[in-house]
Amino acid sequence: MKHIISYKIHLPTFTLRKTLELYQLCQTIESKIYLIANGRTCEVNHLPKLVSFILTLKCRNILIVLEGKEAPSDKEQMNHFFKQQKRRCPA
C-alpha cells in the first residue's frame, strides 16, 4: 500500500557538502521525495535541481513530502538527518 506523508521543517543553512549529504540520503530512500517552499516544488532525483532549489530558498521553512510504500520509515531517516544537522549548526 502506497503512503503519502508530509511535514514541515525549518531547514538550516546548507553548505554544498550538506546538500550532497542530503542528496545521498535521498538516493538510499525508496520513497519519492519532494521539497516545497516559496511556491516551488523540487523532486529530489537530480542533484543540479536540488542544489539550485536550496541555494535560491528565501524562506527556510519547507514542506517535505514522501510518497511510497516505505514512507513512514523513510520519514524517520529524514528526521534523523535533519536532527544531526541542527546539532552541528545550531540556529
Protein backbone atom coordinates (compact mmCIF):
# COMPACT_ATOMS: atom_id res chain seq x y z
CA MET A 1 0.00 0.00 0.00
CA LYS A 2 1.36 3.40 -1.01
CA HIS A 3 1.63 6.10 1.68
CA ILE A 4 1.96 9.87 1.38
CA ILE A 5 3.43 11.73 4.33
CA SER A 6 4.08 15.44 4.53
CA TYR A 7 5.56 17.57 7.28
CA LYS A 8 7.19 20.96 7.70
CA ILE A 9 10.70 21.62 8.95
CA HIS A 10 12.97 24.61 9.31
CA LEU A 11 15.87 23.86 7.00
CA PRO A 12 19.17 25.07 8.40
CA THR A 13 21.52 26.94 6.11
CA PHE A 14 23.14 24.28 3.96
CA THR A 15 26.63 24.23 2.56
CA LEU A 16 27.26 22.38 -0.67
CA ARG A 17 28.62 19.47 1.36
CA LYS A 18 25.42 19.23 3.43
CA THR A 19 23.37 19.41 0.25
CA LEU A 20 25.36 16.48 -1.17
CA GLU A 21 24.79 14.51 2.05
CA LEU A 22 21.05 15.16 1.76
CA TYR A 23 21.09 14.05 -1.88
CA GLN A 24 22.97 10.85 -0.99
CA LEU A 25 20.44 10.09 1.74
CA CYS A 26 17.57 10.66 -0.67
CA GLN A 27 19.14 8.19 -3.11
CA THR A 28 19.03 5.45 -0.45
CA ILE A 29 15.38 6.12 0.45
CA GLU A 30 12.79 4.16 -1.51
CA SER A 31 10.08 6.85 -1.45
CA LYS A 32 9.81 9.71 -3.88
CA ILE A 33 10.82 12.91 -2.08
CA TYR A 34 9.54 16.38 -2.82
CA LEU A 35 10.64 19.65 -1.21
CA ILE A 36 8.17 22.52 -1.39
CA ALA A 37 8.92 26.16 -0.47
CA ASN A 38 8.32 29.64 -1.83
CA GLY A 39 5.69 28.31 -4.24
CA ARG A 40 8.21 25.95 -5.85
CA THR A 41 8.46 22.18 -5.82
CA CYS A 42 11.64 20.14 -6.21
CA GLU A 43 11.57 16.39 -6.70
CA VAL A 44 14.83 15.19 -5.21
CA ASN A 45 16.06 12.99 -8.03
CA HIS A 46 18.58 15.26 -9.83
CA LEU A 47 21.46 16.85 -7.94
CA PRO A 48 21.60 20.09 -10.01
CA LYS A 49 17.89 20.74 -9.38
CA LEU A 50 18.32 20.16 -5.64
CA VAL A 51 21.35 22.45 -5.40
CA SER A 52 19.54 25.18 -7.31
CA PHE A 53 16.43 24.81 -5.15
CA ILE A 54 18.35 25.02 -1.86
CA LEU A 55 20.58 27.91 -2.98
CA THR A 56 17.60 30.03 -4.02
CA LEU A 57 15.46 29.48 -0.91
CA LYS A 58 14.27 32.72 0.64
CA CYS A 59 12.25 31.12 3.42
CA ARG A 60 13.93 28.25 5.28
CA ASN A 61 10.59 26.65 6.24
CA ILE A 62 9.95 23.84 3.79
CA LEU A 63 7.37 21.13 3.33
CA ILE A 64 8.75 17.64 2.79
CA VAL A 65 6.50 15.14 1.02
CA LEU A 66 7.36 11.43 0.97
CA GLU A 67 5.43 9.13 -1.37
CA GLY A 68 5.86 5.37 -1.36
CA LYS A 69 5.36 2.09 0.44
CA GLU A 70 8.12 2.81 2.96
CA ALA A 71 7.21 6.46 3.60
CA PRO A 72 6.81 6.11 7.42
CA SER A 73 10.26 4.57 7.91
CA ASP A 74 11.78 6.93 5.33
CA LYS A 75 10.41 9.86 7.34
CA GLU A 76 12.34 8.61 10.37
CA GLN A 77 15.58 8.54 8.35
CA MET A 78 14.96 12.09 7.09
CA ASN A 79 14.17 13.33 10.61
CA HIS A 80 17.37 11.76 11.92
CA PHE A 81 19.39 13.51 9.21
CA PHE A 82 17.88 16.93 9.96
CA LYS A 83 18.33 16.50 13.73
CA GLN A 84 22.03 15.81 13.13
CA GLN A 85 22.28 18.99 11.05
CA LYS A 86 20.72 21.07 13.83
CA ARG A 87 23.25 19.70 16.34
CA ARG A 88 26.15 20.52 14.03
CA CYS A 89 24.89 24.01 13.19
CA PRO A 90 22.69 25.45 15.94
CA ALA A 91 20.45 28.31 14.80
